[in-house]
Amino acid sequence: MATISNANAAKITKMNRAAQNVAMGTLIQTLQTAQSSADSSASAVSTLESEMTAAEIQLDTSASAISTLESEMTAAEIQLDTSASAITTLEGQVITTGSLTVTAAMTNASLVTVETGLGLITGWHLETYTSSGSALLGAYVENSSGSLLVQAVGTVPGGYSGSFGLNDDDRYYWIAW
């Protein structure tokens, strides 16, 4: 067994006398409670740190998702621009069809205008039939700002010859593009 020096023995004796007036059990309980509270606080700090890490990961994921959505929106805007451009290009290439029956009022004119609804006509085909269904040949057709102008032969400049006239109940069937 180890021996205690006289100096240490004197110190221990003084400590015991000083401790007589202190409730040693209460002091020990207070120390234990403080230790337990410190342990709980450390655990709470550890939990908060874990939650912060999870929140940071979620923020990183959200930022990545936002970046992806921004890229997708840009791609969609480019696609819309491309579609609008394609529509503009195709507007002049639309095919439309129709028919027109000549009325008595039209026979007094030298020109019948067939409205196609197109802004620009790049080509057309027109067939003319009499009221009995016989095909008529020799119509002079001119393209003018989205309309087809069917002219009676005697009114066509430049010496165009033929026997075409504008008659009541004649029918014009047309395709324009």
C-alpha atoms as a PDB file:
ATOM      1  CA  MET A   1       0.000   0.000   0.000  1.00  0.00           C
ATOM      2  CA  ALA A   2       1.178   3.459  -0.814  1.00  0.00           C
ATOM      3  CA  THR A   3       1.919   5.859   1.978  1.00  0.00           C
ATOM      4  CA  ILE A   4       0.747   9.429   2.072  1.00  0.00           C
ATOM      5  CA  SER A   5       3.221  12.116   2.910  1.00  0.00           C
ATOM      6  CA  ASN A   6       2.705  14.301   5.939  1.00  0.00           C
ATOM      7  CA  ALA A   7       1.993  17.305   3.738  1.00  0.00           C
ATOM      8  CA  ASN A   8      -0.732  15.455   1.780  1.00  0.00           C
ATOM      9  CA  ALA A   9      -2.198  14.078   5.008  1.00  0.00           C
ATOM     10  CA  ALA A  10      -2.492  17.635   6.339  1.00  0.00           C
ATOM     11  CA  LYS A  11      -4.250  18.780   3.142  1.00  0.00           C
ATOM     12  CA  ILE A  12      -6.742  15.906   3.225  1.00  0.00           C
ATOM     13  CA  THR A  13      -7.551  16.624   6.824  1.00  0.00           C
ATOM     14  CA  LYS A  14      -8.255  20.268   6.018  1.00  0.00           C
ATOM     15  CA  MET A  15     -10.499  19.209   3.083  1.00  0.00           C
ATOM     16  CA  ASN A  16     -12.537  16.876   5.256  1.00  0.00           C
ATOM     17  CA  ARG A  17     -13.094  19.575   7.868  1.00  0.00           C
ATOM     18  CA  ALA A  18     -14.179  22.040   5.173  1.00  0.00           C
ATOM     19  CA  ALA A  19     -16.547  19.452   3.665  1.00  0.00           C
ATOM     20  CA  GLN A  20     -18.363  18.826   6.956  1.00  0.00           C
ATOM     21  CA  ASN A  21     -20.621  21.813   6.431  1.00  0.00           C
ATOM     22  CA  VAL A  22     -21.524  20.890   2.812  1.00  0.00           C
ATOM     23  CA  ALA A  23     -24.232  18.443   1.777  1.00  0.00           C
ATOM     24  CA  MET A  24     -21.933  16.178  -0.208  1.00  0.00           C
ATOM     25  CA  GLY A  25     -24.799  14.045  -1.663  1.00  0.00           C
ATOM     26  CA  THR A  26     -26.559  17.098  -3.093  1.00  0.00           C
ATOM     27  CA  LEU A  27     -23.309  18.247  -4.600  1.00  0.00           C
ATOM     28  CA  ILE A  28     -22.740  14.889  -6.275  1.00  0.00           C
ATOM     29  CA  GLN A  29     -26.337  14.797  -7.600  1.00  0.00           C
ATOM     30  CA  THR A  30     -25.960  18.283  -9.040  1.00  0.00           C
ATOM     31  CA  LEU A  31     -22.760  17.216 -10.788  1.00  0.00           C
ATOM     32  CA  GLN A  32     -24.481  14.116 -12.174  1.00  0.00           C
ATOM     33  CA  THR A  33     -27.470  16.182 -13.429  1.00  0.00           C
ATOM     34  CA  ALA A  34     -25.107  18.639 -15.076  1.00  0.00           C
ATOM     35  CA  GLN A  35     -23.289  15.776 -16.782  1.00  0.00           C
ATOM     36  CA  SER A  36     -26.593  14.281 -17.955  1.00  0.00           C
ATOM     37  CA  SER A  37     -27.730  17.675 -19.255  1.00  0.00           C
ATOM     38  CA  ALA A  38     -24.426  18.120 -21.077  1.00  0.00           C
ATOM     39  CA  ASP A  39     -24.829  14.666 -22.633  1.00  0.00           C
ATOM     40  CA  SER A  40     -28.380  15.567 -23.790  1.00  0.00           C
ATOM     41  CA  SER A  41     -27.161  18.857 -25.233  1.00  0.00           C
ATOM     42  CA  ALA A  42     -24.372  17.096 -27.102  1.00  0.00           C
ATOM     43  CA  SER A  43     -26.924  14.626 -28.476  1.00  0.00           C
ATOM     44  CA  ALA A  44     -29.238  17.475 -29.527  1.00  0.00           C
ATOM     45  CA  VAL A  45     -26.331  19.256 -31.234  1.00  0.00           C
ATOM     46  CA  SER A  46     -25.457  16.036 -33.064  1.00  0.00           C
ATOM     47  CA  THR A  47     -29.104  15.634 -34.191  1.00  0.00           C
ATOM     48  CA  LEU A  48     -29.225  19.261 -35.396  1.00  0.00           C
ATOM     49  CA  GLU A  49     -25.982  18.790 -37.297  1.00  0.00           C
ATOM     50  CA  SER A  50     -27.476  15.714 -39.018  1.00  0.00           C
ATOM     51  CA  GLU A  51     -30.640  17.639 -39.866  1.00  0.00           C
ATOM     52  CA  MET A  52     -28.596  20.546 -41.249  1.00  0.00           C
ATOM     53  CA  THR A  53     -26.607  18.143 -43.417  1.00  0.00           C
ATOM     54  CA  ALA A  54     -29.857  16.628 -44.723  1.00  0.00           C
ATOM     55  CA  ALA A  55     -31.247  20.123 -45.417  1.00  0.00           C
ATOM     56  CA  GLU A  56     -28.058  21.091 -47.271  1.00  0.00           C
ATOM     57  CA  ILE A  57     -28.345  17.937 -49.393  1.00  0.00           C
ATOM     58  CA  GLN A  58     -31.984  18.777 -50.098  1.00  0.00           C
ATOM     59  CA  LEU A  59     -31.013  22.347 -51.073  1.00  0.00           C
ATOM     60  CA  ASP A  60     -28.325  21.008 -53.401  1.00  0.00           C
ATOM     61  CA  THR A  61     -30.882  18.639 -54.950  1.00  0.00           C
ATOM     62  CA  SER A  62     -33.401  21.479 -55.337  1.00  0.00           C
ATOM     63  CA  ALA A  63     -30.789  23.723 -56.951  1.00  0.00           C
ATOM     64  CA  SER A  64     -29.931  20.926 -59.365  1.00  0.00           C
ATOM     65  CA  ALA A  65     -33.631  20.387 -60.151  1.00  0.00           C
ATOM     66  CA  ILE A  66     -34.095  24.130 -60.778  1.00  0.00           C
ATOM     67  CA  SER A  67     -31.100  24.149 -63.092  1.00  0.00           C
ATOM     68  CA  THR A  68     -32.536  21.169 -64.994  1.00  0.00           C
ATOM     69  CA  LEU A  69     -35.944  22.883 -65.290  1.00  0.00           C
ATOM     70  CA  GLU A  70     -34.295  26.076 -66.543  1.00  0.00           C
ATOM     71  CA  SER A  71     -32.489  24.053 -69.231  1.00  0.00           C
ATOM     72  CA  GLU A  72     -35.733  22.318 -70.201  1.00  0.00           C
ATOM     73  CA  MET A  73     -37.531  25.684 -70.394  1.00  0.00           C
ATOM     74  CA  THR A  74     -34.807  27.059 -72.654  1.00  0.00           C
ATOM     75  CA  ALA A  75     -35.097  23.993 -74.891  1.00  0.00           C
ATOM     76  CA  ALA A  76     -38.898  24.396 -75.002  1.00  0.00           C
ATOM     77  CA  GLU A  77     -38.542  28.088 -75.927  1.00  0.00           C
ATOM     78  CA  ILE A  78     -36.149  27.151 -78.748  1.00  0.00           C
ATOM     79  CA  GLN A  79     -38.619  24.510 -79.919  1.00  0.00           C
ATOM     80  CA  LEU A  80     -41.458  27.073 -79.877  1.00  0.00           C
ATOM     81  CA  ASP A  81     -39.340  29.517 -81.876  1.00  0.00           C
ATOM     82  CA  THR A  82     -38.541  26.757 -84.375  1.00  0.00           C
ATOM     83  CA  SER A  83     -42.225  25.780 -84.613  1.00  0.00           C
ATOM     84  CA  ALA A  84     -43.283  29.392 -85.171  1.00  0.00           C
ATOM     85  CA  SER A  85     -40.683  29.697 -87.915  1.00  0.00           C
ATOM     86  CA  ALA A  86     -41.881  26.452 -89.511  1.00  0.00           C
ATOM     87  CA  ILE A  87     -45.497  27.631 -89.397  1.00  0.00           C
ATOM     88  CA  THR A  88     -44.531  30.897 -91.077  1.00  0.00           C
ATOM     89  CA  THR A  89     -42.715  28.933 -93.781  1.00  0.00           C
ATOM     90  CA  LEU A  90     -45.647  26.571 -94.290  1.00  0.00           C
ATOM     91  CA  GLU A  91     -48.261  29.318 -94.485  1.00  0.00           C
ATOM     92  CA  GLY A  92     -47.316  29.956 -98.098  1.00  0.00           C
ATOM     93  CA  GLN A  93     -47.422  26.222 -98.858  1.00  0.00           C
ATOM     94  CA  VAL A  94     -50.928  25.450 -97.622  1.00  0.00           C
ATOM     95  CA  ILE A  95     -53.194  23.661-100.078  1.00  0.00           C
ATOM     96  CA  THR A  96     -56.782  24.853-100.271  1.00  0.00           C
ATOM     97  CA  THR A  97     -59.692  23.840-102.490  1.00  0.00           C
ATOM     98  CA  GLY A  98     -63.100  25.191-103.345  1.00  0.00           C
ATOM     99  CA  SER A  99     -65.733  25.852-105.915  1.00  0.00           C
ATOM    100  CA  LEU A 100     -67.624  28.842-107.247  1.00  0.00           C
ATOM    101  CA  THR A 101     -70.871  28.976-109.215  1.00  0.00           C
ATOM    102  CA  VAL A 102     -71.217  31.898-111.624  1.00  0.00           C
ATOM    103  CA  THR A 103     -74.343  33.982-111.025  1.00  0.00           C
ATOM    104  CA  ALA A 104     -76.303  36.045-113.534  1.00  0.00           C
ATOM    105  CA  ALA A 105     -74.791  39.215-112.024  1.00  0.00           C
ATOM    106  CA  MET A 106     -71.288  37.894-112.746  1.00  0.00           C
ATOM    107  CA  THR A 107     -71.988  37.242-116.436  1.00  0.00           C
ATOM    108  CA  ASN A 108     -72.126  40.987-117.094  1.00  0.00           C
ATOM    109  CA  ALA A 109     -68.558  41.349-115.817  1.00  0.00           C
ATOM    110  CA  SER A 110     -65.447  40.465-117.710  1.00  0.00           C
ATOM    111  CA  LEU A 111     -63.752  38.999-114.647  1.00  0.00           C
ATOM    112  CA  VAL A 112     -64.623  36.569-111.820  1.00  0.00           C
ATOM    113  CA  THR A 113     -62.470  36.649-108.694  1.00  0.00           C
ATOM    114  CA  VAL A 114     -61.989  33.330-106.891  1.00  0.00           C
ATOM    115  CA  GLU A 115     -60.993  34.045-103.276  1.00  0.00           C
ATOM    116  CA  THR A 116     -58.679  31.228-102.078  1.00  0.00           C
ATOM    117  CA  GLY A 117     -57.995  32.498 -98.560  1.00  0.00           C
ATOM    118  CA  LEU A 118     -54.246  32.192 -99.134  1.00  0.00           C
ATOM    119  CA  GLY A 119     -51.914  35.102 -98.697  1.00  0.00           C
ATOM    120  CA  LEU A 120     -49.776  33.987-101.634  1.00  0.00           C
ATOM    121  CA  ILE A 121     -50.512  31.463-104.364  1.00  0.00           C
ATOM    122  CA  THR A 122     -47.523  29.604-105.779  1.00  0.00           C
ATOM    123  CA  GLY A 123     -49.569  27.310-108.024  1.00  0.00           C
ATOM    124  CA  TRP A 124     -53.150  26.348-108.920  1.00  0.00           C
ATOM    125  CA  HIS A 125     -55.398  24.111-110.979  1.00  0.00           C
ATOM    126  CA  LEU A 126     -58.833  25.316-112.131  1.00  0.00           C
ATOM    127  CA  GLU A 127     -61.523  23.363-113.968  1.00  0.00           C
ATOM    128  CA  THR A 128     -64.645  24.949-115.425  1.00  0.00           C
ATOM    129  CA  TYR A 129     -67.901  23.093-116.100  1.00  0.00           C
ATOM    130  CA  THR A 130     -71.171  24.255-117.656  1.00  0.00           C
ATOM    131  CA  SER A 131     -74.440  23.860-115.798  1.00  0.00           C
ATOM    132  CA  SER A 132     -75.002  20.622-117.793  1.00  0.00           C
ATOM    133  CA  GLY A 133     -71.647  19.237-116.560  1.00  0.00           C
ATOM    134  CA  SER A 134     -69.602  19.642-119.761  1.00  0.00           C
ATOM    135  CA  ALA A 135     -66.014  20.764-119.279  1.00  0.00           C
ATOM    136  CA  LEU A 136     -65.086  24.154-120.671  1.00  0.00           C
ATOM    137  CA  LEU A 137     -61.615  24.861-121.947  1.00  0.00           C
ATOM    138  CA  GLY A 138     -59.800  28.071-122.618  1.00  0.00           C
ATOM    139  CA  ALA A 139     -60.254  30.066-119.397  1.00  0.00           C
ATOM    140  CA  TYR A 140     -57.597  32.659-118.810  1.00  0.00           C
ATOM    141  CA  VAL A 141     -56.563  32.559-115.121  1.00  0.00           C
ATOM    142  CA  GLU A 142     -54.289  35.032-113.422  1.00  0.00           C
ATOM    143  CA  ASN A 143     -52.844  34.923-109.887  1.00  0.00           C
ATOM    144  CA  SER A 144     -53.347  38.143-107.940  1.00  0.00           C
ATOM    145  CA  SER A 145     -52.536  38.522-104.233  1.00  0.00           C
ATOM    146  CA  GLY A 146     -54.045  35.224-103.055  1.00  0.00           C
ATOM    147  CA  SER A 147     -56.959  35.241-105.516  1.00  0.00           C
ATOM    148  CA  LEU A 148     -57.461  33.628-108.912  1.00  0.00           C
ATOM    149  CA  LEU A 149     -58.836  35.962-111.576  1.00  0.00           C
ATOM    150  CA  VAL A 150     -60.853  34.174-114.274  1.00  0.00           C
ATOM    151  CA  GLN A 151     -61.248  36.441-117.310  1.00  0.00           C
ATOM    152  CA  ALA A 152     -63.497  36.249-120.338  1.00  0.00           C
ATOM    153  CA  VAL A 153     -61.472  35.840-123.537  1.00  0.00           C
ATOM    154  CA  GLY A 154     -62.353  39.158-125.117  1.00  0.00           C
ATOM    155  CA  THR A 155     -60.971  41.105-122.131  1.00  0.00           C
ATOM    156  CA  VAL A 156     -57.543  39.493-121.873  1.00  0.00           C
ATOM    157  CA  PRO A 157     -54.657  41.712-122.959  1.00  0.00           C
ATOM    158  CA  GLY A 158     -51.907  40.395-125.168  1.00  0.00           C
ATOM    159  CA  GLY A 159     -53.922  38.663-127.907  1.00  0.00           C
ATOM    160  CA  TYR A 160     -55.030  35.619-125.934  1.00  0.00           C
ATOM    161  CA  SER A 161     -57.545  33.754-128.099  1.00  0.00           C
ATOM    162  CA  GLY A 162     -60.248  31.238-127.251  1.00  0.00           C
ATOM    163  CA  SER A 163     -63.979  30.894-126.850  1.00  0.00           C
ATOM    164  CA  PHE A 164     -64.308  31.125-123.089  1.00  0.00           C
ATOM    165  CA  GLY A 165     -67.062  33.300-121.675  1.00  0.00           C
ATOM    166  CA  LEU A 166     -68.643  33.825-118.252  1.00  0.00           C
ATOM    167  CA  ASN A 167     -72.033  32.080-118.208  1.00  0.00           C
ATOM    168  CA  ASP A 168     -74.740  31.792-115.561  1.00  0.00           C
ATOM    169  CA  ASP A 169     -74.501  28.517-113.540  1.00  0.00           C
ATOM    170  CA  ASP A 170     -70.994  27.631-114.765  1.00  0.00           C
ATOM    171  CA  ARG A 171     -68.982  26.094-111.918  1.00  0.00           C
ATOM    172  CA  TYR A 172     -65.301  26.599-111.166  1.00  0.00           C
ATOM    173  CA  TYR A 173     -63.524  23.938-109.100  1.00  0.00           C
ATOM    174  CA  TRP A 174     -60.058  24.918-107.957  1.00  0.00           C
ATOM    175  CA  ILE A 175     -57.028  23.825-105.981  1.00  0.00           C
ATOM    176  CA  ALA A 176     -54.465  26.405-104.958  1.00  0.00           C
ATOM    177  CA  TRP A 177     -51.189  26.157-103.061  1.00  0.00           C
END
